[in-house]
């Protein structure tokens, strides 16, 4: 299996306990609405599942899966992707950023924190993580500062940057230093007053 493809899996086969739910809480009113629509024959997009060769990990579609179970379904349509649990977790942080049930601010904060703590985030810039999660760069920057201050994540010495089609490593310790050095070089030395020796 090399590409994602559509399959119908037994709900009992799909694992929900892999840390792939970035929301702060499920919306049970939405689950009830979905279940009612499913029971009436409504069509929903397939949930996203990663298969690591042994387990099926749900990465996107917790509300739909819960609703399908509540509607009495024993199987659900899935977009099945090859990958590890780590792949499923990383994918889940980007779920619902452009469609599906709208995320709350708490959902976004939880997704950002989870992404920063994830192994895949090592070396990635704040902008790269912000694009993946679907938030602004300042939110990622603020959370990185908090987590680094509490030693939950290490302070990074380098990060991966992509610009104009090129990807390279940028040393974060140098950010700001060159700009300050350039500014200092362009600033004229302060005028020095030459004081005459006082007459005796």
C-alpha atoms as a PDB file:
ATOM      1  CA  UNK A   1       0.000   0.000   0.000  1.00  0.00           C
ATOM      2  CA  UNK A   2       1.704   3.168  -1.214  1.00  0.00           C
ATOM      3  CA  UNK A   3      -1.089   5.689  -1.664  1.00  0.00           C
ATOM      4  CA  UNK A   4      -4.226   6.726   0.166  1.00  0.00           C
ATOM      5  CA  UNK A   5      -7.328   4.908  -0.983  1.00  0.00           C
ATOM      6  CA  UNK A   6     -10.940   4.529   0.110  1.00  0.00           C
ATOM      7  CA  UNK A   7     -12.004   1.485   2.107  1.00  0.00           C
ATOM      8  CA  UNK A   8     -14.803   0.608   4.492  1.00  0.00           C
ATOM      9  CA  UNK A   9     -13.517  -0.489   7.887  1.00  0.00           C
ATOM     10  CA  UNK A  10     -15.208  -1.941  10.910  1.00  0.00           C
ATOM     11  CA  UNK A  11     -15.515   0.758  13.566  1.00  0.00           C
ATOM     12  CA  UNK A  12     -14.190  -1.733  16.110  1.00  0.00           C
ATOM     13  CA  UNK A  13     -10.916  -1.975  14.153  1.00  0.00           C
ATOM     14  CA  UNK A  14     -10.133   1.732  14.348  1.00  0.00           C
ATOM     15  CA  UNK A  15      -8.062   2.875  17.314  1.00  0.00           C
ATOM     16  CA  UNK A  16      -8.799   6.194  19.008  1.00  0.00           C
ATOM     17  CA  UNK A  17      -6.209   5.995  21.787  1.00  0.00           C
ATOM     18  CA  UNK A  18      -3.078   7.122  19.969  1.00  0.00           C
ATOM     19  CA  UNK A  19      -3.041  10.800  20.910  1.00  0.00           C
ATOM     20  CA  UNK A  20      -4.535  11.817  17.580  1.00  0.00           C
ATOM     21  CA  UNK A  21      -7.388  13.913  18.973  1.00  0.00           C
ATOM     22  CA  UNK A  22      -6.109  17.507  19.166  1.00  0.00           C
ATOM     23  CA  UNK A  23      -9.440  19.032  20.207  1.00  0.00           C
ATOM     24  CA  UNK A  24      -9.856  20.081  23.818  1.00  0.00           C
ATOM     25  CA  UNK A  25     -13.230  18.297  23.936  1.00  0.00           C
ATOM     26  CA  UNK A  26     -15.765  16.622  21.670  1.00  0.00           C
ATOM     27  CA  UNK A  27     -18.957  18.467  20.774  1.00  0.00           C
ATOM     28  CA  UNK A  28     -21.686  15.997  21.743  1.00  0.00           C
ATOM     29  CA  UNK A  29     -24.427  18.168  20.256  1.00  0.00           C
ATOM     30  CA  UNK A  30     -22.644  17.931  16.902  1.00  0.00           C
ATOM     31  CA  UNK A  31     -22.314  14.161  17.324  1.00  0.00           C
ATOM     32  CA  UNK A  32     -26.075  13.898  17.903  1.00  0.00           C
ATOM     33  CA  UNK A  33     -26.768  16.031  14.816  1.00  0.00           C
ATOM     34  CA  UNK A  34     -24.405  13.941  12.693  1.00  0.00           C
ATOM     35  CA  UNK A  35     -25.922  10.690  13.978  1.00  0.00           C
ATOM     36  CA  UNK A  36     -29.426  11.877  13.135  1.00  0.00           C
ATOM     37  CA  UNK A  37     -28.318  12.861   9.636  1.00  0.00           C
ATOM     38  CA  UNK A  38     -26.529   9.534   9.123  1.00  0.00           C
ATOM     39  CA  UNK A  39     -29.583   7.582  10.243  1.00  0.00           C
ATOM     40  CA  UNK A  40     -31.595   9.538   7.674  1.00  0.00           C
ATOM     41  CA  UNK A  41     -29.171   8.594   4.904  1.00  0.00           C
ATOM     42  CA  UNK A  42     -26.960  11.668   4.960  1.00  0.00           C
ATOM     43  CA  UNK A  43     -23.552  11.451   3.294  1.00  0.00           C
ATOM     44  CA  UNK A  44     -20.365  12.483   5.084  1.00  0.00           C
ATOM     45  CA  UNK A  45     -16.721  12.637   3.973  1.00  0.00           C
ATOM     46  CA  UNK A  46     -14.658   9.565   4.874  1.00  0.00           C
ATOM     47  CA  UNK A  47     -12.634   9.679   8.067  1.00  0.00           C
ATOM     48  CA  UNK A  48      -8.836   9.632   7.727  1.00  0.00           C
ATOM     49  CA  UNK A  49      -7.063   6.546   9.053  1.00  0.00           C
ATOM     50  CA  UNK A  50      -3.368   5.615   9.069  1.00  0.00           C
ATOM     51  CA  UNK A  51      -2.315   1.970   8.922  1.00  0.00           C
ATOM     52  CA  UNK A  52       1.090   0.973  10.288  1.00  0.00           C
ATOM     53  CA  UNK A  53       0.837  -2.667   9.267  1.00  0.00           C
ATOM     54  CA  UNK A  54      -0.754  -3.725  12.538  1.00  0.00           C
ATOM     55  CA  UNK A  55      -3.144  -1.015  13.713  1.00  0.00           C
ATOM     56  CA  UNK A  56      -5.576   1.453  12.185  1.00  0.00           C
ATOM     57  CA  UNK A  57      -5.150   4.901  13.770  1.00  0.00           C
ATOM     58  CA  UNK A  58      -7.884   7.519  13.406  1.00  0.00           C
ATOM     59  CA  UNK A  59      -6.311  10.861  12.440  1.00  0.00           C
ATOM     60  CA  UNK A  60      -9.355  12.912  11.428  1.00  0.00           C
ATOM     61  CA  UNK A  61     -13.062  12.307  11.977  1.00  0.00           C
ATOM     62  CA  UNK A  62     -13.680  11.669  15.678  1.00  0.00           C
ATOM     63  CA  UNK A  63     -17.118  13.306  15.592  1.00  0.00           C
ATOM     64  CA  UNK A  64     -18.124  11.364  12.473  1.00  0.00           C
ATOM     65  CA  UNK A  65     -16.918   8.062  13.917  1.00  0.00           C
ATOM     66  CA  UNK A  66     -18.752   8.595  17.208  1.00  0.00           C
ATOM     67  CA  UNK A  67     -21.870   9.610  15.283  1.00  0.00           C
ATOM     68  CA  UNK A  68     -21.688   6.548  13.043  1.00  0.00           C
ATOM     69  CA  UNK A  69     -21.523   4.317  16.110  1.00  0.00           C
ATOM     70  CA  UNK A  70     -24.451   6.183  17.692  1.00  0.00           C
ATOM     71  CA  UNK A  71     -26.435   5.749  14.464  1.00  0.00           C
ATOM     72  CA  UNK A  72     -25.976   1.993  14.719  1.00  0.00           C
ATOM     73  CA  UNK A  73     -23.347   1.597  12.015  1.00  0.00           C
ATOM     74  CA  UNK A  74     -20.751  -1.128  12.437  1.00  0.00           C
ATOM     75  CA  UNK A  75     -18.476   0.158   9.646  1.00  0.00           C
ATOM     76  CA  UNK A  76     -17.500   3.510   8.164  1.00  0.00           C
ATOM     77  CA  UNK A  77     -15.888   4.801   4.961  1.00  0.00           C
ATOM     78  CA  UNK A  78     -12.218   5.661   5.452  1.00  0.00           C
ATOM     79  CA  UNK A  79      -9.451   7.366   3.539  1.00  0.00           C
ATOM     80  CA  UNK A  80      -6.740   4.867   4.377  1.00  0.00           C
ATOM     81  CA  UNK A  81      -3.150   6.111   4.353  1.00  0.00           C
ATOM     82  CA  UNK A  82       0.090   4.240   4.973  1.00  0.00           C
ATOM     83  CA  UNK A  83       2.009   5.529   7.965  1.00  0.00           C
ATOM     84  CA  UNK A  84       2.980   5.223  11.586  1.00  0.00           C
ATOM     85  CA  UNK A  85       1.202   6.420  14.697  1.00  0.00           C
ATOM     86  CA  UNK A  86       3.587   9.393  14.628  1.00  0.00           C
ATOM     87  CA  UNK A  87       2.378  10.204  11.096  1.00  0.00           C
ATOM     88  CA  UNK A  88      -1.237  10.017  12.258  1.00  0.00           C
ATOM     89  CA  UNK A  89      -0.530  12.334  15.188  1.00  0.00           C
ATOM     90  CA  UNK A  90       1.209  14.920  13.020  1.00  0.00           C
ATOM     91  CA  UNK A  91      -1.611  14.816  10.471  1.00  0.00           C
ATOM     92  CA  UNK A  92      -4.224  15.257  13.205  1.00  0.00           C
ATOM     93  CA  UNK A  93      -2.775  18.619  14.250  1.00  0.00           C
ATOM     94  CA  UNK A  94      -3.811  20.022  10.863  1.00  0.00           C
ATOM     95  CA  UNK A  95      -7.290  18.472  10.840  1.00  0.00           C
ATOM     96  CA  UNK A  96     -10.276  20.836  10.497  1.00  0.00           C
ATOM     97  CA  UNK A  97      -8.183  23.919   9.812  1.00  0.00           C
ATOM     98  CA  UNK A  98     -10.124  24.600   6.596  1.00  0.00           C
ATOM     99  CA  UNK A  99     -13.234  22.397   6.818  1.00  0.00           C
ATOM    100  CA  UNK A 100     -15.307  20.268   9.161  1.00  0.00           C
ATOM    101  CA  UNK A 101     -16.552  21.330  12.577  1.00  0.00           C
ATOM    102  CA  UNK A 102     -15.005  24.701  13.357  1.00  0.00           C
ATOM    103  CA  UNK A 103     -12.218  24.604  15.930  1.00  0.00           C
ATOM    104  CA  UNK A 104     -12.459  26.617  19.121  1.00  0.00           C
ATOM    105  CA  UNK A 105      -9.562  28.739  20.363  1.00  0.00           C
ATOM    106  CA  UNK A 106      -8.914  26.030  22.953  1.00  0.00           C
ATOM    107  CA  UNK A 107      -8.724  23.447  20.152  1.00  0.00           C
ATOM    108  CA  UNK A 108      -6.168  25.560  18.286  1.00  0.00           C
ATOM    109  CA  UNK A 109      -4.065  26.133  21.399  1.00  0.00           C
ATOM    110  CA  UNK A 110      -4.059  22.411  22.166  1.00  0.00           C
ATOM    111  CA  UNK A 111      -3.075  21.567  18.585  1.00  0.00           C
ATOM    112  CA  UNK A 112      -0.195  24.071  18.646  1.00  0.00           C
ATOM    113  CA  UNK A 113       1.123  22.767  21.960  1.00  0.00           C
ATOM    114  CA  UNK A 114       0.850  19.148  20.805  1.00  0.00           C
ATOM    115  CA  UNK A 115       2.617  19.979  17.543  1.00  0.00           C
ATOM    116  CA  UNK A 116       5.505  21.701  19.327  1.00  0.00           C
ATOM    117  CA  UNK A 117       5.928  18.717  21.649  1.00  0.00           C
ATOM    118  CA  UNK A 118       5.903  16.287  18.714  1.00  0.00           C
ATOM    119  CA  UNK A 119       9.148  14.807  17.391  1.00  0.00           C
ATOM    120  CA  UNK A 120       8.267  15.958  13.864  1.00  0.00           C
ATOM    121  CA  UNK A 121       8.480  19.608  14.973  1.00  0.00           C
ATOM    122  CA  UNK A 122      12.172  19.415  15.857  1.00  0.00           C
ATOM    123  CA  UNK A 123      14.021  21.993  13.784  1.00  0.00           C
ATOM    124  CA  UNK A 124      10.899  23.404  12.129  1.00  0.00           C
ATOM    125  CA  UNK A 125      10.382  27.153  12.182  1.00  0.00           C
ATOM    126  CA  UNK A 126       7.419  28.782  13.898  1.00  0.00           C
ATOM    127  CA  UNK A 127       6.046  29.715  10.471  1.00  0.00           C
ATOM    128  CA  UNK A 128       6.220  26.120   9.225  1.00  0.00           C
ATOM    129  CA  UNK A 129       4.372  24.825  12.274  1.00  0.00           C
ATOM    130  CA  UNK A 130       1.824  27.647  12.038  1.00  0.00           C
ATOM    131  CA  UNK A 131       1.089  26.740   8.412  1.00  0.00           C
ATOM    132  CA  UNK A 132       0.655  23.082   9.309  1.00  0.00           C
ATOM    133  CA  UNK A 133      -1.679  23.687  12.242  1.00  0.00           C
ATOM    134  CA  UNK A 134      -3.513  26.588  10.605  1.00  0.00           C
ATOM    135  CA  UNK A 135      -2.810  29.390  13.084  1.00  0.00           C
ATOM    136  CA  UNK A 136      -0.789  32.600  13.075  1.00  0.00           C
ATOM    137  CA  UNK A 137       2.948  32.556  13.704  1.00  0.00           C
ATOM    138  CA  UNK A 138       2.640  34.602  16.905  1.00  0.00           C
ATOM    139  CA  UNK A 139       0.573  31.852  18.543  1.00  0.00           C
ATOM    140  CA  UNK A 140       3.279  29.286  17.843  1.00  0.00           C
ATOM    141  CA  UNK A 141       6.013  31.681  18.964  1.00  0.00           C
ATOM    142  CA  UNK A 142       4.261  32.379  22.272  1.00  0.00           C
ATOM    143  CA  UNK A 143       3.728  28.688  22.969  1.00  0.00           C
ATOM    144  CA  UNK A 144       7.323  27.861  22.064  1.00  0.00           C
ATOM    145  CA  UNK A 145       8.525  30.473  24.552  1.00  0.00           C
ATOM    146  CA  UNK A 146       6.313  29.024  27.301  1.00  0.00           C
ATOM    147  CA  UNK A 147       7.336  25.425  26.661  1.00  0.00           C
ATOM    148  CA  UNK A 148      11.029  26.280  26.398  1.00  0.00           C
ATOM    149  CA  UNK A 149      10.862  28.267  29.652  1.00  0.00           C
ATOM    150  CA  UNK A 150       9.369  25.252  31.442  1.00  0.00           C
ATOM    151  CA  UNK A 151      11.927  22.929  29.775  1.00  0.00           C
ATOM    152  CA  UNK A 152       9.153  20.912  28.103  1.00  0.00           C
ATOM    153  CA  UNK A 153      10.927  21.459  24.790  1.00  0.00           C
ATOM    154  CA  UNK A 154      14.591  22.330  24.176  1.00  0.00           C
ATOM    155  CA  UNK A 155      15.639  25.695  22.862  1.00  0.00           C
ATOM    156  CA  UNK A 156      16.556  25.105  19.231  1.00  0.00           C
ATOM    157  CA  UNK A 157      19.940  26.157  17.843  1.00  0.00           C
ATOM    158  CA  UNK A 158      18.871  25.680  14.229  1.00  0.00           C
ATOM    159  CA  UNK A 159      15.657  25.442  12.299  1.00  0.00           C
ATOM    160  CA  UNK A 160      14.598  24.343   8.826  1.00  0.00           C
ATOM    161  CA  UNK A 161      13.636  27.265   6.592  1.00  0.00           C
ATOM    162  CA  UNK A 162      12.139  27.140   3.091  1.00  0.00           C
ATOM    163  CA  UNK A 163      12.339  30.231   0.902  1.00  0.00           C
ATOM    164  CA  UNK A 164      11.974  30.664  -2.853  1.00  0.00           C
ATOM    165  CA  UNK A 165      12.109  26.935  -3.470  1.00  0.00           C
ATOM    166  CA  UNK A 166      15.222  26.342  -1.345  1.00  0.00           C
ATOM    167  CA  UNK A 167      15.361  24.583   2.029  1.00  0.00           C
ATOM    168  CA  UNK A 168      18.217  25.162   4.439  1.00  0.00           C
ATOM    169  CA  UNK A 169      19.183  25.174   8.114  1.00  0.00           C
ATOM    170  CA  UNK A 170      19.239  28.546   9.845  1.00  0.00           C
ATOM    171  CA  UNK A 171      21.037  28.981  13.150  1.00  0.00           C
ATOM    172  CA  UNK A 172      18.606  30.703  15.479  1.00  0.00           C
ATOM    173  CA  UNK A 173      21.368  32.087  17.693  1.00  0.00           C
ATOM    174  CA  UNK A 174      22.417  34.361  14.839  1.00  0.00           C
ATOM    175  CA  UNK A 175      18.943  35.807  14.265  1.00  0.00           C
ATOM    176  CA  UNK A 176      19.009  39.456  15.217  1.00  0.00           C
ATOM    177  CA  UNK A 177      22.770  39.599  15.768  1.00  0.00           C
ATOM    178  CA  UNK A 178      23.640  40.386  12.167  1.00  0.00           C
ATOM    179  CA  UNK A 179      20.868  42.955  11.992  1.00  0.00           C
ATOM    180  CA  UNK A 180      22.127  44.653  15.152  1.00  0.00           C
ATOM    181  CA  UNK A 181      25.715  44.555  13.891  1.00  0.00           C
ATOM    182  CA  UNK A 182      24.677  46.111  10.576  1.00  0.00           C
ATOM    183  CA  UNK A 183      22.705  48.819  12.349  1.00  0.00           C
ATOM    184  CA  UNK A 184      25.623  49.621  14.622  1.00  0.00           C
ATOM    185  CA  UNK A 185      28.004  49.788  11.653  1.00  0.00           C
ATOM    186  CA  UNK A 186      25.745  52.276   9.881  1.00  0.00           C
ATOM    187  CA  UNK A 187      25.297  54.475  12.947  1.00  0.00           C
ATOM    188  CA  UNK A 188      27.871  57.287  13.168  1.00  0.00           C
ATOM    189  CA  UNK A 189      29.888  57.467  16.326  1.00  0.00           C
ATOM    190  CA  UNK A 190      28.499  60.027  18.758  1.00  0.00           C
ATOM    191  CA  UNK A 191      30.038  63.494  18.540  1.00  0.00           C
ATOM    192  CA  UNK A 192      32.621  63.981  21.198  1.00  0.00           C
ATOM    193  CA  UNK A 193      32.980  67.319  22.791  1.00  0.00           C
ATOM    194  CA  UNK A 194      36.563  68.492  22.992  1.00  0.00           C
ATOM    195  CA  UNK A 195      36.933  70.359  26.182  1.00  0.00           C
ATOM    196  CA  UNK A 196      39.670  72.984  26.400  1.00  0.00           C
ATOM    197  CA  UNK A 197      41.878  72.833  29.367  1.00  0.00           C
ATOM    198  CA  UNK A 198      40.750  75.475  31.806  1.00  0.00           C
ATOM    199  CA  UNK A 199      43.044  78.409  32.237  1.00  0.00           C
ATOM    200  CA  UNK A 200      45.076  78.366  35.412  1.00  0.00           C
END
